[in-house]
Amino acid sequence: MDKSTLNDMPPIAVADIAKMDIAETMLAACDRHTLAGQRDFAILRLLIDSSLKRQQVVAVNVGDFDFEGCSLRVQRQYQRQDQEQDSELISLSVETAHALQDWLSLTCDPNAEPSQMPMFTALDRAKYGHRLTGTAIYGIVKRAARIAGISEAIAPEKLRFCHISQNGKLNHPNELAQEPNCSHSHNQAAIVLSETGLGAKTPYILDEFSPNILTALLTDKRSLNTRRAYEKDLGYFFMAVFGQPPQEAAIAQFLQLNRFDAIAIVLRYKSDLIAKGLKESTINRRLSALKSLVNFAAKLGKCNWNLDDIQTETVQTYRDTTGIKPEGMREMLLKIDRDSPKGKRDFAILRLLWDNALRRNEVVGANIGDFDFEGRSLQILGKGRGSQKSSISLSIGTAKAIQEWLSVRETKGKEQPLFPSLDPAHRGHRLTGTAIYQIVEKLAIAAGITKKMSPHRIRHSAITAALDATNGNVRKVQKLSRHKKLDTLMLYDDNRTNMQGEVSSLLGDLI
């Protein structure tokens, strides 16, 4: 059942729900071509097929799920006083296990060890990466019911008593020709696949492969931020051209156009973006996402043309790299109350931003186990380096600041985030990039700094100060900034020395 069919359906009263398969209808309402749709589909599967409460769903961690065993560890619904453990292992249907695996394949590194990270996280910008709340799941159910044409509110608790019919199995774009055996006794082929790290799946050669282009494109990207950006930017294009999100039918229709019609449509779209006054970098990002979709489709034989003739806008990068002087940074550090746990945490974060010129995502991605106090080093996930961590050396002051923060840290598991949230609503969750931005902005205002400050502005400031301290030794400072291209650092150095201003002054003195 496609979305257009759902939109044309007449409203359904709750009293008539028994006359139809409500479970299948609400599951079909999830747009599984998007990250949010994959997440919501998996959540609805757990509510319907496993009869879980929403509190049980939000408490599930990534490490609780066993795809090969088709099982999930969840909190007990009812616990007797004589029970020591507060969790139990439940079996999952094949469809529910696949739904969870599809969601995790888009959000988690498949080679990473099972962790205590939440299974279901928020995808909106304000709370991105935080564990979903019960209220959020209520909203997901309500939205799915509305799209399905159900006029009255459906609470998550009602879905616990709806079961998917055996004959009403939903078709999945990536459905395997032969379902894996989810019992604990695997055959020899499953054991071989398990040893290769691929799980008990149907061999690729036997699988009827008919990929959804967008889903395959997003899965091909390691970075979750990149996936979100691609999905969002492609959504703008397809809403403008087809009046609907980038669903399979709309994508196929676009890819089946001839080369000249496609280029004409994209040029018109680009003209509209320019007319709206969007920045050059924003326009280029949206065009880049579209070109990536077309190129990826061409690799799969779904398209025989490209968008290379579409020129991007000229962008002047790193226009202002000066930031603030070391004195300004010192004032910001002095505004931190280092006697409180929050102050110790924020002080360590700012020392990393300045002493090591880290990007905010490199800070939030660090775990406790990545820090080595004796070796004065930290393992970070650098920009554009996938899942491979690199080691950076820390100054004595930064290492002591992190150690001082860890001395008051409540939980100290190696896989726990190095810098968690301390507010009651999200306590223990990994800090987001937005949270670090707010920390920096607040401290800058308190220090009386008039320039708009951000974590990346501190990075600019640290790199410029390093060039000053090394007398413009760009090779040495490149080890700090970790820029791939030396030309980028040359822009910093040019802005620092202001050679153009010096030459202009010389010319002025000649007349």
Foldseek 3Di string as FASTA:
>chain_A
DALVVLVPDAADEPVCCVVDQVLLLLLNLQQCLALVSLLLNLVLQCLQAVVDALVFQLQFFQLQDDLLQQKGKTADPDDDPPDPDRIDIDHHDLVSSVSLVLNCLLPDDLPDDGDRQTSDFDCDPVGGRFGDDSVVSLVSQQVSCVSNNHDDRDGSNNSSPRYDDPVRDDDDLQDFPDGFDNHPDHDPVQVVCVVVSNGRGDPPVRGPHDDQLSSVLSSVDQDSVLNVLLQVLQQVLCCVVVVGGPHSVSLLVLQPDDPVVNLVSVVVVLVVCVVVVDDLVVSQSSVVSVQSSNVSCVVVVSHDDGNPVDDGDDDDPCPDLAFDAVVLLVLLLVPADCVDLVSLLLNLVSLCCQVQVDQLQFQLPFFLLQQDLVQQKGWTDDPPNRPDTDIDHHDNVNSVSLVSSVVPDDDRDRRFTSRFDCDPVRGRGGDDQVNQQVSQQVSSVVSVNPDRDGSNSSSSNNLLVVCVVVVNPLVVSCSRSVDPDSVVSVVSVCSSVVVVVVVVVVVVVVD
